Amino acid sequence: MLKPLGVLPKALAEALEGLLIILFEMSATLIKYLLVLIKSTFPVIFEHLLKLIIAVFLIVIRVITWLINGLVKLLNRLFRATQEPS
């Protein structure tokens, strides 16, 4: 309980105390809602990040496969060029 500060009448001290209680309750409610939002948002973010990482990995694998196929075709052409009778 707040004690009246000399010149403050008791009614004003009680009103300020009520206002502080309301502010603390509102802050607690806001923090609670923020925590619920964070708890519900982070799994979604991590799920999307995981999908993005998998997609990038698949693209990298596809590019590596494309490069290997191109290298094999080039080596086949070079091999055939050296095997053909001149």
N, C-alpha and C. Protein backbone atom coordinates (compact mmCIF):
# COMPACT_ATOMS: atom_id res chain seq x y z
N MET A 1 0.83 -1.19 0.00
CA MET A 1 0.00 0.00 0.00
C MET A 1 0.87 1.25 0.00
N LEU A 2 0.46 2.20 -0.79
CA LEU A 2 1.17 3.48 -0.81
C LEU A 2 0.75 4.31 0.40
N LYS A 3 1.72 4.96 1.00
CA LYS A 3 1.42 5.85 2.11
C LYS A 3 1.28 7.26 1.54
N PRO A 4 0.32 8.03 2.04
CA PRO A 4 0.20 9.40 1.56
C PRO A 4 1.50 10.16 1.79
N LEU A 5 1.94 10.89 0.76
CA LEU A 5 3.21 11.61 0.83
C LEU A 5 2.98 13.04 1.31
N GLY A 6 2.74 13.20 2.56
CA GLY A 6 2.59 14.53 3.15
C GLY A 6 1.40 15.29 2.59
N VAL A 7 1.60 16.02 1.47
CA VAL A 7 0.55 16.87 0.94
C VAL A 7 -0.49 16.07 0.16
N LEU A 8 -0.16 14.84 -0.26
CA LEU A 8 -1.13 14.05 -1.01
C LEU A 8 -2.24 13.55 -0.09
N PRO A 9 -3.46 13.82 -0.42
CA PRO A 9 -4.54 13.28 0.40
C PRO A 9 -4.64 11.77 0.23
N LYS A 10 -5.29 11.14 1.15
CA LYS A 10 -5.41 9.68 1.15
C LYS A 10 -6.13 9.19 -0.10
N ALA A 11 -7.14 9.90 -0.56
CA ALA A 11 -7.89 9.48 -1.74
C ALA A 11 -7.00 9.48 -2.98
N LEU A 12 -6.13 10.49 -3.08
CA LEU A 12 -5.22 10.56 -4.23
C LEU A 12 -4.21 9.42 -4.17
N ALA A 13 -3.71 9.11 -2.98
CA ALA A 13 -2.76 8.00 -2.83
C ALA A 13 -3.43 6.68 -3.21
N GLU A 14 -4.69 6.49 -2.83
CA GLU A 14 -5.41 5.27 -3.19
C GLU A 14 -5.66 5.20 -4.69
N ALA A 15 -5.95 6.36 -5.30
CA ALA A 15 -6.17 6.39 -6.75
C ALA A 15 -4.87 6.05 -7.49
N LEU A 16 -3.75 6.61 -7.01
CA LEU A 16 -2.46 6.29 -7.63
C LEU A 16 -2.12 4.81 -7.46
N GLU A 17 -2.43 4.27 -6.29
CA GLU A 17 -2.18 2.85 -6.05
C GLU A 17 -3.02 1.99 -6.99
N GLY A 18 -4.29 2.37 -7.18
CA GLY A 18 -5.15 1.64 -8.12
C GLY A 18 -4.62 1.73 -9.54
N LEU A 19 -4.13 2.93 -9.90
CA LEU A 19 -3.57 3.12 -11.24
C LEU A 19 -2.32 2.26 -11.44
N LEU A 20 -1.46 2.20 -10.42
CA LEU A 20 -0.27 1.35 -10.51
C LEU A 20 -0.64 -0.12 -10.65
N ILE A 21 -1.64 -0.55 -9.90
CA ILE A 21 -2.09 -1.95 -10.00
C ILE A 21 -2.60 -2.24 -11.40
N ILE A 22 -3.39 -1.32 -11.95
CA ILE A 22 -3.91 -1.51 -13.32
C ILE A 22 -2.75 -1.57 -14.32
N LEU A 23 -1.76 -0.67 -14.16
CA LEU A 23 -0.61 -0.68 -15.07
C LEU A 23 0.18 -1.98 -14.98
N PHE A 24 0.39 -2.48 -13.76
CA PHE A 24 1.10 -3.75 -13.60
C PHE A 24 0.32 -4.91 -14.21
N GLU A 25 -1.00 -4.92 -14.02
CA GLU A 25 -1.83 -5.98 -14.61
C GLU A 25 -1.79 -5.91 -16.14
N MET A 26 -1.85 -4.69 -16.68
CA MET A 26 -1.79 -4.55 -18.13
C MET A 26 -0.42 -4.98 -18.66
N SER A 27 0.66 -4.63 -17.94
CA SER A 27 1.99 -5.05 -18.36
C SER A 27 2.11 -6.57 -18.33
N ALA A 28 1.58 -7.19 -17.28
CA ALA A 28 1.65 -8.65 -17.18
C ALA A 28 0.87 -9.30 -18.32
N THR A 29 -0.30 -8.75 -18.64
CA THR A 29 -1.10 -9.29 -19.74
C THR A 29 -0.37 -9.12 -21.07
N LEU A 30 0.24 -7.95 -21.28
CA LEU A 30 0.98 -7.71 -22.51
C LEU A 30 2.16 -8.67 -22.65
N ILE A 31 2.89 -8.87 -21.56
CA ILE A 31 4.02 -9.81 -21.59
C ILE A 31 3.53 -11.22 -21.86
N LYS A 32 2.40 -11.59 -21.26
CA LYS A 32 1.84 -12.92 -21.50
C LYS A 32 1.48 -13.10 -22.97
N TYR A 33 0.83 -12.11 -23.57
CA TYR A 33 0.47 -12.20 -24.99
C TYR A 33 1.72 -12.24 -25.88
N LEU A 34 2.75 -11.47 -25.52
CA LEU A 34 3.99 -11.50 -26.30
C LEU A 34 4.65 -12.87 -26.22
N LEU A 35 4.65 -13.47 -25.04
CA LEU A 35 5.23 -14.81 -24.90
C LEU A 35 4.45 -15.83 -25.72
N VAL A 36 3.13 -15.74 -25.71
CA VAL A 36 2.32 -16.66 -26.51
C VAL A 36 2.62 -16.45 -27.99
N LEU A 37 2.74 -15.20 -28.41
CA LEU A 37 3.06 -14.90 -29.81
C LEU A 37 4.42 -15.47 -30.20
N ILE A 38 5.41 -15.28 -29.33
CA ILE A 38 6.76 -15.78 -29.62
C ILE A 38 6.75 -17.31 -29.68
N LYS A 39 6.07 -17.94 -28.72
CA LYS A 39 6.03 -19.41 -28.71
C LYS A 39 5.33 -19.96 -29.94
N SER A 40 4.32 -19.27 -30.43
CA SER A 40 3.59 -19.78 -31.59
C SER A 40 4.25 -19.40 -32.91
N THR A 41 5.06 -18.34 -32.91
CA THR A 41 5.68 -17.87 -34.15
C THR A 41 6.98 -18.59 -34.45
N PHE A 42 7.81 -18.83 -33.46
CA PHE A 42 9.12 -19.42 -33.72
C PHE A 42 9.06 -20.79 -34.38
N PRO A 43 8.16 -21.70 -33.97
CA PRO A 43 8.12 -22.98 -34.69
C PRO A 43 7.79 -22.79 -36.17
N VAL A 44 6.92 -21.84 -36.49
CA VAL A 44 6.58 -21.58 -37.89
C VAL A 44 7.80 -21.05 -38.63
N ILE A 45 8.53 -20.14 -38.00
CA ILE A 45 9.73 -19.59 -38.63
C ILE A 45 10.76 -20.70 -38.85
N PHE A 46 10.96 -21.55 -37.83
CA PHE A 46 11.93 -22.63 -37.98
C PHE A 46 11.49 -23.62 -39.05
N GLU A 47 10.18 -23.86 -39.15
CA GLU A 47 9.68 -24.76 -40.19
C GLU A 47 9.97 -24.19 -41.58
N HIS A 48 9.75 -22.90 -41.76
CA HIS A 48 10.02 -22.27 -43.06
C HIS A 48 11.52 -22.24 -43.34
N LEU A 49 12.33 -21.99 -42.31
CA LEU A 49 13.78 -22.02 -42.51
C LEU A 49 14.25 -23.41 -42.90
N LEU A 50 13.68 -24.43 -42.28
CA LEU A 50 14.04 -25.80 -42.63
C LEU A 50 13.67 -26.11 -44.07
N LYS A 51 12.48 -25.68 -44.49
CA LYS A 51 12.08 -25.88 -45.89
C LYS A 51 13.01 -25.15 -46.84
N LEU A 52 13.42 -23.94 -46.46
CA LEU A 52 14.34 -23.17 -47.30
C LEU A 52 15.70 -23.86 -47.40
N ILE A 53 16.19 -24.37 -46.28
CA ILE A 53 17.48 -25.07 -46.29
C ILE A 53 17.40 -26.32 -47.15
N ILE A 54 16.31 -27.07 -47.05
CA ILE A 54 16.14 -28.27 -47.87
C ILE A 54 16.08 -27.89 -49.35
N ALA A 55 15.35 -26.83 -49.68
CA ALA A 55 15.25 -26.40 -51.08
C ALA A 55 16.61 -25.98 -51.62
N VAL A 56 17.37 -25.22 -50.84
CA VAL A 56 18.71 -24.80 -51.28
C VAL A 56 19.61 -26.01 -51.45
N PHE A 57 19.52 -26.97 -50.53
CA PHE A 57 20.32 -28.19 -50.64
C PHE A 57 19.98 -28.94 -51.92
N LEU A 58 18.69 -29.07 -52.24
CA LEU A 58 18.29 -29.77 -53.46
C LEU A 58 18.76 -29.03 -54.70
N ILE A 59 18.71 -27.70 -54.67
CA ILE A 59 19.20 -26.92 -55.82
C ILE A 59 20.71 -27.13 -55.99
N VAL A 60 21.45 -27.13 -54.89
CA VAL A 60 22.90 -27.34 -54.97
C VAL A 60 23.19 -28.73 -55.53
N ILE A 61 22.46 -29.74 -55.08
CA ILE A 61 22.64 -31.11 -55.59
C ILE A 61 22.34 -31.14 -57.09
N ARG A 62 21.27 -30.47 -57.50
CA ARG A 62 20.91 -30.44 -58.93
C ARG A 62 22.00 -29.76 -59.75
N VAL A 63 22.56 -28.66 -59.26
CA VAL A 63 23.62 -27.95 -59.98
C VAL A 63 24.87 -28.83 -60.07
N ILE A 64 25.23 -29.48 -58.97
CA ILE A 64 26.40 -30.37 -58.99
C ILE A 64 26.18 -31.50 -59.98
N THR A 65 24.98 -32.08 -60.00
CA THR A 65 24.67 -33.15 -60.95
C THR A 65 24.78 -32.63 -62.38
N TRP A 66 24.26 -31.43 -62.63
CA TRP A 66 24.34 -30.84 -63.96
C TRP A 66 25.79 -30.63 -64.38
N LEU A 67 26.63 -30.14 -63.44
CA LEU A 67 28.05 -29.93 -63.75
C LEU A 67 28.76 -31.25 -64.03
N ILE A 68 28.46 -32.28 -63.24
CA ILE A 68 29.08 -33.59 -63.46
C ILE A 68 28.66 -34.16 -64.81
N ASN A 69 27.37 -34.04 -65.15
CA ASN A 69 26.91 -34.53 -66.46
C ASN A 69 27.61 -33.78 -67.59
N GLY A 70 27.76 -32.47 -67.46
CA GLY A 70 28.46 -31.69 -68.47
C GLY A 70 29.91 -32.11 -68.60
N LEU A 71 30.56 -32.35 -67.47
CA LEU A 71 31.96 -32.79 -67.49
C LEU A 71 32.09 -34.17 -68.14
N VAL A 72 31.16 -35.08 -67.84
CA VAL A 72 31.19 -36.42 -68.44
C VAL A 72 30.99 -36.33 -69.94
N LYS A 73 30.04 -35.50 -70.39
CA LYS A 73 29.82 -35.33 -71.83
C LYS A 73 31.07 -34.76 -72.51
N LEU A 74 31.71 -33.78 -71.87
CA LEU A 74 32.92 -33.19 -72.42
C LEU A 74 34.04 -34.23 -72.51
N LEU A 75 34.20 -35.03 -71.45
CA LEU A 75 35.23 -36.07 -71.47
C LEU A 75 34.93 -37.12 -72.54
N ASN A 76 33.65 -37.48 -72.71
CA ASN A 76 33.28 -38.44 -73.76
C ASN A 76 33.63 -37.89 -75.14
N ARG A 77 33.35 -36.61 -75.37
CA ARG A 77 33.69 -36.01 -76.67
C ARG A 77 35.20 -36.02 -76.90
N LEU A 78 35.94 -35.65 -75.86
CA LEU A 78 37.40 -35.65 -75.99
C LEU A 78 37.93 -37.06 -76.23
N PHE A 79 37.36 -38.04 -75.53
CA PHE A 79 37.80 -39.42 -75.70
C PHE A 79 37.49 -39.91 -77.11
N ARG A 80 36.28 -39.59 -77.60
CA ARG A 80 35.92 -40.00 -78.97
C ARG A 80 36.81 -39.31 -79.99
N ALA A 81 37.14 -38.05 -79.73
CA ALA A 81 38.00 -37.31 -80.68
C ALA A 81 39.39 -37.94 -80.75
N THR A 82 39.88 -38.44 -79.62
CA THR A 82 41.21 -39.06 -79.63
C THR A 82 41.17 -40.47 -80.19
N GLN A 83 40.00 -41.14 -80.17
CA GLN A 83 39.89 -42.51 -80.65
C GLN A 83 39.60 -42.60 -82.13
N GLU A 84 39.09 -41.53 -82.73
CA GLU A 84 38.77 -41.57 -84.16
C GLU A 84 40.06 -41.64 -84.97
N PRO A 85 40.01 -42.45 -86.04
CA PRO A 85 41.22 -42.53 -86.87
C PRO A 85 41.44 -41.21 -87.62
N SER A 86 42.63 -40.79 -87.68
CA SER A 86 42.95 -39.53 -88.35
C SER A 86 43.15 -39.75 -89.83
